[in-house]
Amino acid sequence: MSKITLKAQDLDDYLTKEDNNILEEMNKNYQEVMKIFHTCSTNQSVKKREKLYKII
């Protein structure tokens, strides 16, 4: 089986507006989760970490 490697700009003509909206929403969610993980991995209070774990 041959493998094909694409870059994001290669998909520009193939993605619909809806596809791009979904990707944008996924990116927003990813950024938010990364903030939460960062907070959880630092020296925060136990209560604050537990609250964030519930969000995840």
N, C-alpha and C. Protein backbone atom coordinates (compact mmCIF):
# COMPACT_ATOMS: atom_id res chain seq x y z
N MET A 1 0.85 -1.17 0.00
CA MET A 1 0.00 0.00 0.00
C MET A 1 0.90 1.24 0.00
N SER A 2 0.61 2.14 -0.89
CA SER A 2 1.37 3.39 -0.97
C SER A 2 0.85 4.38 0.05
N LYS A 3 1.75 5.17 0.59
CA LYS A 3 1.37 6.21 1.53
C LYS A 3 1.45 7.57 0.85
N ILE A 4 0.51 8.42 1.18
CA ILE A 4 0.49 9.78 0.65
C ILE A 4 0.53 10.73 1.84
N THR A 5 1.43 11.68 1.79
CA THR A 5 1.53 12.67 2.86
C THR A 5 1.08 14.02 2.31
N LEU A 6 0.09 14.59 2.97
CA LEU A 6 -0.43 15.88 2.55
C LEU A 6 -0.16 16.93 3.62
N LYS A 7 -0.08 18.13 3.17
CA LYS A 7 0.02 19.27 4.09
C LYS A 7 -1.36 19.93 4.13
N ALA A 8 -1.60 20.73 5.16
CA ALA A 8 -2.91 21.35 5.33
C ALA A 8 -3.33 22.14 4.10
N GLN A 9 -2.41 22.86 3.49
CA GLN A 9 -2.78 23.68 2.33
C GLN A 9 -3.17 22.82 1.13
N ASP A 10 -2.76 21.56 1.12
CA ASP A 10 -3.16 20.67 0.03
C ASP A 10 -4.66 20.37 0.05
N LEU A 11 -5.29 20.56 1.21
CA LEU A 11 -6.71 20.25 1.34
C LEU A 11 -7.62 21.44 1.06
N ASP A 12 -7.05 22.60 0.82
CA ASP A 12 -7.84 23.82 0.67
C ASP A 12 -8.96 23.69 -0.36
N ASP A 13 -8.71 23.09 -1.48
CA ASP A 13 -9.73 23.00 -2.54
C ASP A 13 -10.70 21.84 -2.33
N TYR A 14 -10.45 20.98 -1.35
CA TYR A 14 -11.28 19.80 -1.15
C TYR A 14 -12.22 19.93 0.05
N LEU A 15 -11.90 20.80 0.99
CA LEU A 15 -12.72 20.93 2.19
C LEU A 15 -13.87 21.90 1.96
N THR A 16 -15.02 21.52 2.47
CA THR A 16 -16.19 22.41 2.37
C THR A 16 -16.15 23.42 3.51
N LYS A 17 -17.05 24.39 3.44
CA LYS A 17 -17.15 25.38 4.51
C LYS A 17 -17.48 24.68 5.83
N GLU A 18 -18.35 23.69 5.75
CA GLU A 18 -18.72 22.92 6.95
C GLU A 18 -17.50 22.18 7.51
N ASP A 19 -16.69 21.58 6.64
CA ASP A 19 -15.46 20.91 7.08
C ASP A 19 -14.56 21.89 7.82
N ASN A 20 -14.39 23.07 7.24
CA ASN A 20 -13.53 24.08 7.87
C ASN A 20 -14.09 24.55 9.21
N ASN A 21 -15.42 24.66 9.31
CA ASN A 21 -16.04 25.03 10.58
C ASN A 21 -15.79 23.97 11.65
N ILE A 22 -15.89 22.71 11.25
CA ILE A 22 -15.64 21.61 12.18
C ILE A 22 -14.19 21.63 12.64
N LEU A 23 -13.28 21.84 11.71
CA LEU A 23 -11.86 21.89 12.06
C LEU A 23 -11.56 23.07 12.99
N GLU A 24 -12.18 24.18 12.75
CA GLU A 24 -12.00 25.36 13.60
C GLU A 24 -12.50 25.08 15.02
N GLU A 25 -13.65 24.44 15.12
CA GLU A 25 -14.20 24.09 16.44
C GLU A 25 -13.30 23.08 17.16
N MET A 26 -12.80 22.11 16.42
CA MET A 26 -11.88 21.14 17.01
C MET A 26 -10.62 21.83 17.52
N ASN A 27 -10.13 22.78 16.78
CA ASN A 27 -8.94 23.52 17.19
C ASN A 27 -9.20 24.31 18.47
N LYS A 28 -10.37 24.95 18.56
CA LYS A 28 -10.73 25.69 19.77
C LYS A 28 -10.79 24.75 20.97
N ASN A 29 -11.41 23.58 20.78
CA ASN A 29 -11.50 22.60 21.86
C ASN A 29 -10.12 22.12 22.28
N TYR A 30 -9.27 21.86 21.30
CA TYR A 30 -7.90 21.41 21.59
C TYR A 30 -7.15 22.47 22.41
N GLN A 31 -7.25 23.72 22.01
CA GLN A 31 -6.56 24.79 22.73
C GLN A 31 -7.05 24.89 24.17
N GLU A 32 -8.35 24.74 24.36
CA GLU A 32 -8.93 24.81 25.71
C GLU A 32 -8.44 23.65 26.57
N VAL A 33 -8.43 22.47 26.01
CA VAL A 33 -7.96 21.29 26.76
C VAL A 33 -6.48 21.43 27.10
N MET A 34 -5.70 21.99 26.20
CA MET A 34 -4.27 22.16 26.48
C MET A 34 -4.07 23.13 27.65
N LYS A 35 -4.90 24.16 27.74
CA LYS A 35 -4.83 25.08 28.89
C LYS A 35 -5.14 24.34 30.18
N ILE A 36 -6.18 23.49 30.12
CA ILE A 36 -6.57 22.73 31.31
C ILE A 36 -5.45 21.79 31.73
N PHE A 37 -4.86 21.06 30.77
CA PHE A 37 -3.77 20.14 31.10
C PHE A 37 -2.59 20.89 31.69
N HIS A 38 -2.31 22.05 31.15
CA HIS A 38 -1.21 22.85 31.68
C HIS A 38 -1.48 23.22 33.14
N THR A 39 -2.69 23.67 33.40
CA THR A 39 -3.06 24.05 34.76
C THR A 39 -2.98 22.84 35.69
N CYS A 40 -3.44 21.69 35.22
CA CYS A 40 -3.41 20.48 36.05
C CYS A 40 -1.99 20.00 36.33
N SER A 41 -1.08 20.29 35.44
CA SER A 41 0.29 19.81 35.61
C SER A 41 1.16 20.76 36.43
N THR A 42 0.63 21.91 36.79
CA THR A 42 1.39 22.85 37.61
C THR A 42 0.95 22.73 39.06
N ASN A 43 1.56 23.48 39.92
CA ASN A 43 1.27 23.41 41.35
C ASN A 43 0.01 24.19 41.70
N GLN A 44 -1.12 23.69 41.29
CA GLN A 44 -2.40 24.30 41.61
C GLN A 44 -3.00 23.59 42.82
N SER A 45 -3.97 24.22 43.45
CA SER A 45 -4.63 23.60 44.60
C SER A 45 -5.34 22.32 44.15
N VAL A 46 -5.51 21.41 45.08
CA VAL A 46 -6.16 20.14 44.78
C VAL A 46 -7.60 20.38 44.32
N LYS A 47 -8.30 21.30 44.96
CA LYS A 47 -9.69 21.58 44.57
C LYS A 47 -9.78 22.09 43.14
N LYS A 48 -8.85 22.96 42.76
CA LYS A 48 -8.86 23.50 41.40
C LYS A 48 -8.58 22.39 40.39
N ARG A 49 -7.62 21.53 40.69
CA ARG A 49 -7.31 20.43 39.78
C ARG A 49 -8.50 19.48 39.64
N GLU A 50 -9.14 19.16 40.76
CA GLU A 50 -10.28 18.25 40.71
C GLU A 50 -11.42 18.84 39.89
N LYS A 51 -11.63 20.14 40.00
CA LYS A 51 -12.66 20.81 39.21
C LYS A 51 -12.34 20.70 37.72
N LEU A 52 -11.08 20.90 37.37
CA LEU A 52 -10.68 20.82 35.96
C LEU A 52 -10.78 19.39 35.44
N TYR A 53 -10.45 18.41 36.26
CA TYR A 53 -10.57 17.01 35.82
C TYR A 53 -12.01 16.67 35.49
N LYS A 54 -12.96 17.24 36.22
CA LYS A 54 -14.37 16.98 35.94
C LYS A 54 -14.76 17.54 34.58
N ILE A 55 -14.16 18.65 34.17
CA ILE A 55 -14.44 19.25 32.87
C ILE A 55 -13.96 18.33 31.76
N ILE A 56 -12.80 17.75 31.97
CA ILE A 56 -12.22 16.86 30.96
C ILE A 56 -13.09 15.64 30.83
